[in-house]
């Protein structure tokens, strides 16, 4: 309204499936810098100058994992990461089926060590409250978010969110879970009727290649089954790793933020 030129960096990916919303973003932007390749195809038709440099998460992951200390997980074990998310409602919804899945997997395989990352001290306390005294599977809660768990994991069960892209970049085969509190179930059901998939890796490559486990499907038995399919060398694991290679390629290459800054400087110098 005041005549400023605007550069819209990181336009919302969820909006790109609706033409009218993508059109609205284009109408208030002089330049666009989308981070997903699929967004590029959506915005091309609106005639707004744009450049695509890739996703900054590649740089973030490289920096965050470069100097991680050795976690000294038990030697000779398979490492299974169970990521319950970073919000209390996610942890409250997912920890019970997670504990059940770890129990089932441990009964079948004694060589699996479980890792549960906590995003903050408060979330660690909340996770600990969900672990019963009778829990027998070997596990460790790690601090500082998902990077430690995912860097060393052989497979992961993860809540939907950025951690799914982190797992993709680090090459960790996974299944993605999404479970709402029951008061939100009706809203979630309406959403899932409109959105064919919700896992970010699937959205990046525009097909449902990573298993998505939603709401009532999130059971201990289903999660344990998904984990055991991919914890060892198997056709399922090989296929999942191939998909992750495709996701990483679609995210671009490192240096995305630097290239975006250089592009903005070019705009300023025009």
Protein backbone atom coordinates (compact mmCIF):
# COMPACT_ATOMS: atom_id res chain seq x y z
CA UNK A 1 0.00 0.00 0.00
CA UNK A 2 2.94 2.36 0.63
CA UNK A 3 4.68 1.40 -2.60
CA UNK A 4 7.53 -0.61 -1.13
CA UNK A 5 9.03 -3.38 -3.20
CA UNK A 6 8.71 -6.69 -1.33
CA UNK A 7 10.74 -9.88 -1.44
CA UNK A 8 8.75 -12.84 -0.14
CA UNK A 9 11.27 -15.37 1.13
CA UNK A 10 9.92 -18.79 2.15
CA UNK A 11 6.31 -18.45 0.93
CA UNK A 12 4.03 -20.98 2.70
CA UNK A 13 4.17 -24.32 0.95
CA UNK A 14 0.71 -25.35 2.13
CA UNK A 15 -0.83 -22.50 0.17
CA UNK A 16 0.55 -23.61 -3.13
CA UNK A 17 -2.06 -26.28 -3.71
CA UNK A 18 -4.78 -23.63 -3.87
CA UNK A 19 -4.56 -21.36 -6.88
CA UNK A 20 -6.36 -18.44 -5.23
CA UNK A 21 -3.97 -18.45 -2.28
CA UNK A 22 -0.88 -18.70 -4.47
CA UNK A 23 -2.32 -15.86 -6.53
CA UNK A 24 -2.76 -13.75 -3.38
CA UNK A 25 0.87 -14.31 -2.38
CA UNK A 26 1.98 -13.28 -5.87
CA UNK A 27 -0.24 -10.18 -5.80
CA UNK A 28 1.50 -8.70 -2.73
CA UNK A 29 5.05 -9.68 -3.75
CA UNK A 30 7.46 -7.96 -6.12
CA UNK A 31 9.87 -10.90 -5.97
CA UNK A 32 9.58 -14.45 -4.65
CA UNK A 33 12.19 -16.81 -3.22
CA UNK A 34 10.45 -20.18 -2.74
CA UNK A 35 12.42 -22.92 -0.98
CA UNK A 36 10.72 -25.98 -2.45
CA UNK A 37 10.99 -27.01 -6.08
CA UNK A 38 7.27 -27.78 -6.17
CA UNK A 39 6.55 -24.15 -5.24
CA UNK A 40 8.51 -22.96 -8.25
CA UNK A 41 6.17 -24.78 -10.59
CA UNK A 42 3.16 -23.29 -8.78
CA UNK A 43 4.30 -19.68 -8.95
CA UNK A 44 5.72 -19.72 -12.49
CA UNK A 45 2.36 -18.93 -14.07
CA UNK A 46 1.89 -15.64 -12.20
CA UNK A 47 4.71 -13.77 -13.91
CA UNK A 48 6.34 -12.57 -10.67
CA UNK A 49 10.17 -12.59 -10.77
CA UNK A 50 11.44 -15.41 -8.62
CA UNK A 51 14.56 -17.42 -7.92
CA UNK A 52 14.88 -20.80 -6.26
CA UNK A 53 18.06 -21.52 -4.30
CA UNK A 54 17.09 -24.55 -2.23
CA UNK A 55 16.20 -25.05 1.43
CA UNK A 56 18.29 -23.47 4.23
CA UNK A 57 17.81 -26.59 6.34
CA UNK A 58 20.75 -28.17 4.52
CA UNK A 59 23.10 -25.56 5.98
CA UNK A 60 21.49 -25.76 9.41
CA UNK A 61 21.87 -29.55 9.57
CA UNK A 62 25.47 -29.40 8.39
CA UNK A 63 26.31 -26.87 11.11
CA UNK A 64 24.35 -28.57 13.90
CA UNK A 65 25.74 -32.05 13.28
CA UNK A 66 29.34 -31.13 12.54
CA UNK A 67 30.68 -31.09 16.10
CA UNK A 68 28.24 -33.31 17.97
CA UNK A 69 29.92 -35.29 20.74
CA UNK A 70 30.04 -39.07 20.54
CA UNK A 71 26.88 -40.23 22.34
CA UNK A 72 28.49 -43.57 23.21
CA UNK A 73 25.42 -45.60 22.38
CA UNK A 74 25.85 -49.33 23.11
CA UNK A 75 28.14 -51.04 20.63
CA UNK A 76 26.63 -53.65 18.33
CA UNK A 77 23.08 -52.31 18.67
CA UNK A 78 20.71 -50.98 16.10
CA UNK A 79 19.67 -47.43 16.99
CA UNK A 80 15.97 -46.60 16.68
CA UNK A 81 14.94 -42.98 17.16
CA UNK A 82 11.42 -42.20 18.36
CA UNK A 83 10.73 -38.50 17.91
CA UNK A 84 7.60 -37.32 19.76
CA UNK A 85 7.75 -33.70 18.58
CA UNK A 86 8.53 -30.47 20.40
CA UNK A 87 5.08 -29.46 21.67
CA UNK A 88 3.35 -30.79 24.79
CA UNK A 89 0.25 -31.89 22.89
CA UNK A 90 2.36 -33.98 20.51
CA UNK A 91 4.22 -35.66 23.35
CA UNK A 92 1.02 -36.33 25.26
CA UNK A 93 -0.57 -37.91 22.18
CA UNK A 94 2.38 -39.99 21.00
CA UNK A 95 4.33 -41.23 23.99
CA UNK A 96 1.87 -44.00 24.93
CA UNK A 97 1.93 -45.67 21.47
CA UNK A 98 5.69 -45.01 21.31
CA UNK A 99 6.29 -46.84 24.60
CA UNK A 100 4.08 -49.69 23.40
CA UNK A 101 5.92 -49.90 20.07
CA UNK A 102 9.33 -49.95 21.76
CA UNK A 103 8.13 -52.68 24.10
CA UNK A 104 6.92 -54.85 21.21
CA UNK A 105 10.09 -54.25 19.18
CA UNK A 106 12.25 -55.09 22.22
CA UNK A 107 10.39 -58.35 22.76
CA UNK A 108 11.21 -59.35 19.19
CA UNK A 109 14.71 -57.86 18.97
CA UNK A 110 17.03 -57.51 21.95
CA UNK A 111 19.67 -55.69 19.90
CA UNK A 112 17.71 -52.45 19.38
CA UNK A 113 18.58 -49.41 21.49
CA UNK A 114 15.95 -46.68 21.58
CA UNK A 115 16.64 -42.95 21.57
CA UNK A 116 14.04 -40.30 22.40
CA UNK A 117 15.15 -36.71 21.73
CA UNK A 118 13.85 -33.89 23.94
CA UNK A 119 13.70 -30.38 22.51
CA UNK A 120 14.02 -28.64 25.89
CA UNK A 121 14.39 -29.43 29.62
CA UNK A 122 10.63 -28.99 30.09
CA UNK A 123 9.87 -31.42 27.27
CA UNK A 124 12.35 -33.90 28.76
CA UNK A 125 10.42 -33.82 32.03
CA UNK A 126 7.16 -34.35 30.16
CA UNK A 127 8.61 -37.30 28.23
CA UNK A 128 9.92 -38.84 31.47
CA UNK A 129 6.46 -38.63 33.02
CA UNK A 130 5.11 -40.82 30.22
CA UNK A 131 7.67 -43.61 30.73
CA UNK A 132 6.35 -46.17 33.24
CA UNK A 133 8.59 -47.77 35.85
CA UNK A 134 7.82 -51.15 34.28
CA UNK A 135 9.36 -50.15 30.91
CA UNK A 136 12.11 -52.68 30.15
CA UNK A 137 13.44 -51.66 26.72
CA UNK A 138 16.90 -50.03 26.73
CA UNK A 139 16.63 -46.34 25.94
CA UNK A 140 18.11 -42.91 26.41
CA UNK A 141 16.51 -39.47 26.29
CA UNK A 142 18.87 -37.05 24.54
CA UNK A 143 18.83 -33.29 24.97
CA UNK A 144 19.07 -30.52 22.43
CA UNK A 145 16.54 -31.64 19.84
CA UNK A 146 16.61 -34.23 17.12
CA UNK A 147 20.11 -33.95 15.66
CA UNK A 148 21.94 -36.29 18.04
CA UNK A 149 19.30 -38.99 17.66
CA UNK A 150 19.02 -38.75 13.89
CA UNK A 151 22.74 -38.54 13.17
CA UNK A 152 23.29 -41.98 14.68
CA UNK A 153 19.90 -43.62 14.04
CA UNK A 154 19.42 -46.63 11.78
CA UNK A 155 15.68 -45.93 11.54
CA UNK A 156 13.13 -43.52 12.98
CA UNK A 157 9.50 -43.12 13.89
CA UNK A 158 8.88 -39.38 13.90
CA UNK A 159 6.11 -36.90 14.49
CA UNK A 160 5.19 -34.88 11.43
CA UNK A 161 7.24 -31.69 11.17
CA UNK A 162 10.70 -30.38 10.34
CA UNK A 163 12.32 -33.47 11.87
CA UNK A 164 11.07 -35.46 8.88
CA UNK A 165 13.17 -33.29 6.56
CA UNK A 166 16.12 -33.54 8.96
CA UNK A 167 15.82 -37.34 8.81
CA UNK A 168 15.64 -37.16 5.02
CA UNK A 169 18.83 -35.10 4.76
CA UNK A 170 20.64 -37.40 7.20
CA UNK A 171 19.47 -40.49 5.30
CA UNK A 172 17.42 -42.09 8.10
CA UNK A 173 14.56 -44.33 6.88
CA UNK A 174 11.37 -43.42 8.70
CA UNK A 175 7.64 -43.59 9.12
CA UNK A 176 5.79 -40.36 9.92
CA UNK A 177 2.99 -40.10 12.48
CA UNK A 178 0.40 -37.43 13.10
CA UNK A 179 -2.05 -37.67 15.97
CA UNK A 180 -4.38 -34.91 17.12
CA UNK A 181 -6.02 -34.54 20.48
CA UNK A 182 -9.58 -35.76 20.18
CA UNK A 183 -11.14 -32.25 20.40
CA UNK A 184 -9.20 -31.42 17.24
CA UNK A 185 -10.09 -34.68 15.49
CA UNK A 186 -13.00 -33.30 13.50
CA UNK A 187 -10.89 -30.39 12.23
CA UNK A 188 -8.07 -32.79 11.37
CA UNK A 189 -10.44 -35.11 9.54
CA UNK A 190 -11.68 -32.19 7.44
CA UNK A 191 -8.09 -31.20 6.71
CA UNK A 192 -7.04 -34.69 5.64
CA UNK A 193 -10.00 -34.85 3.26
CA UNK A 194 -8.52 -31.84 1.44
CA UNK A 195 -4.82 -32.68 1.70
CA UNK A 196 -3.72 -35.96 0.07
CA UNK A 197 -0.56 -36.19 2.23
CA UNK A 198 0.97 -34.43 5.22
CA UNK A 199 4.58 -35.62 5.60
CA UNK A 200 7.01 -32.94 4.41
CA UNK A 201 9.26 -35.37 2.46
CA UNK A 202 6.20 -36.53 0.51
CA UNK A 203 5.12 -32.94 -0.13
CA UNK A 204 8.61 -32.10 -1.40
CA UNK A 205 8.56 -34.87 -4.02
CA UNK A 206 4.78 -34.65 -4.53
CA UNK A 207 3.93 -38.29 -3.91
CA UNK A 208 3.28 -40.48 -0.88
CA UNK A 209 6.51 -42.46 -0.75
CA UNK A 210 7.12 -42.33 3.03
CA UNK A 211 4.47 -44.10 5.17
CA UNK A 212 2.06 -41.69 6.86
CA UNK A 213 0.30 -42.99 9.95
CA UNK A 214 -2.64 -40.83 11.01
CA UNK A 215 -4.77 -40.64 14.16
CA UNK A 216 -6.44 -44.00 14.88
CA UNK A 217 -3.75 -45.80 12.86
CA UNK A 218 -1.13 -44.67 15.40
CA UNK A 219 -0.97 -47.88 17.45
CA UNK A 220 1.91 -49.62 19.16
CA UNK A 221 1.58 -52.63 16.86
CA UNK A 222 1.62 -50.54 13.67
CA UNK A 223 4.62 -48.46 14.76
CA UNK A 224 6.61 -51.52 15.83
CA UNK A 225 5.85 -53.19 12.50
CA UNK A 226 6.97 -50.12 10.54
CA UNK A 227 10.20 -49.91 12.54
CA UNK A 228 11.11 -53.56 12.12
CA UNK A 229 10.60 -53.32 8.35
CA UNK A 230 13.40 -50.76 7.99
CA UNK A 231 15.80 -51.28 10.90
CA UNK A 232 17.76 -53.95 8.97
CA UNK A 233 18.80 -54.31 5.34
CA UNK A 234 15.63 -55.14 3.45
CA UNK A 235 13.84 -54.19 0.21
CA UNK A 236 11.70 -51.74 2.21
CA UNK A 237 14.77 -50.07 3.70
CA UNK A 238 16.53 -49.83 0.33
CA UNK A 239 13.42 -48.32 -1.25
CA UNK A 240 13.04 -45.81 1.59
CA UNK A 241 16.69 -44.72 1.31
CA UNK A 242 16.25 -44.18 -2.43
CA UNK A 243 13.29 -41.91 -1.68
CA UNK A 244 15.39 -39.92 0.81
CA UNK A 245 18.03 -39.37 -1.88
CA UNK A 246 15.29 -37.94 -4.05
CA UNK A 247 14.11 -35.64 -1.25
CA UNK A 248 17.64 -34.37 -0.60
CA UNK A 249 18.11 -33.61 -4.29
CA UNK A 250 14.82 -31.69 -4.37
CA UNK A 251 15.95 -29.57 -1.39
CA UNK A 252 18.86 -28.23 -3.44
CA UNK A 253 22.40 -27.75 -2.20
CA UNK A 254 24.10 -26.01 0.69
CA UNK A 255 24.53 -22.23 0.62
CA UNK A 256 20.86 -21.40 -0.03
CA UNK A 257 20.73 -18.48 2.41
CA UNK A 258 23.91 -16.92 1.02
CA UNK A 259 22.61 -17.17 -2.55
CA UNK A 260 19.26 -15.68 -1.50
CA UNK A 261 21.06 -12.74 0.13
CA UNK A 262 23.10 -12.18 -3.03
CA UNK A 263 19.90 -12.16 -5.09
CA UNK A 264 18.33 -9.54 -2.79
CA UNK A 265 21.46 -7.42 -3.16
CA UNK A 266 21.09 -7.70 -6.94
CA UNK A 267 17.51 -6.43 -6.62
CA UNK A 268 18.66 -3.50 -4.48
CA UNK A 269 21.32 -2.52 -6.99
CA UNK A 270 18.92 -2.41 -9.95
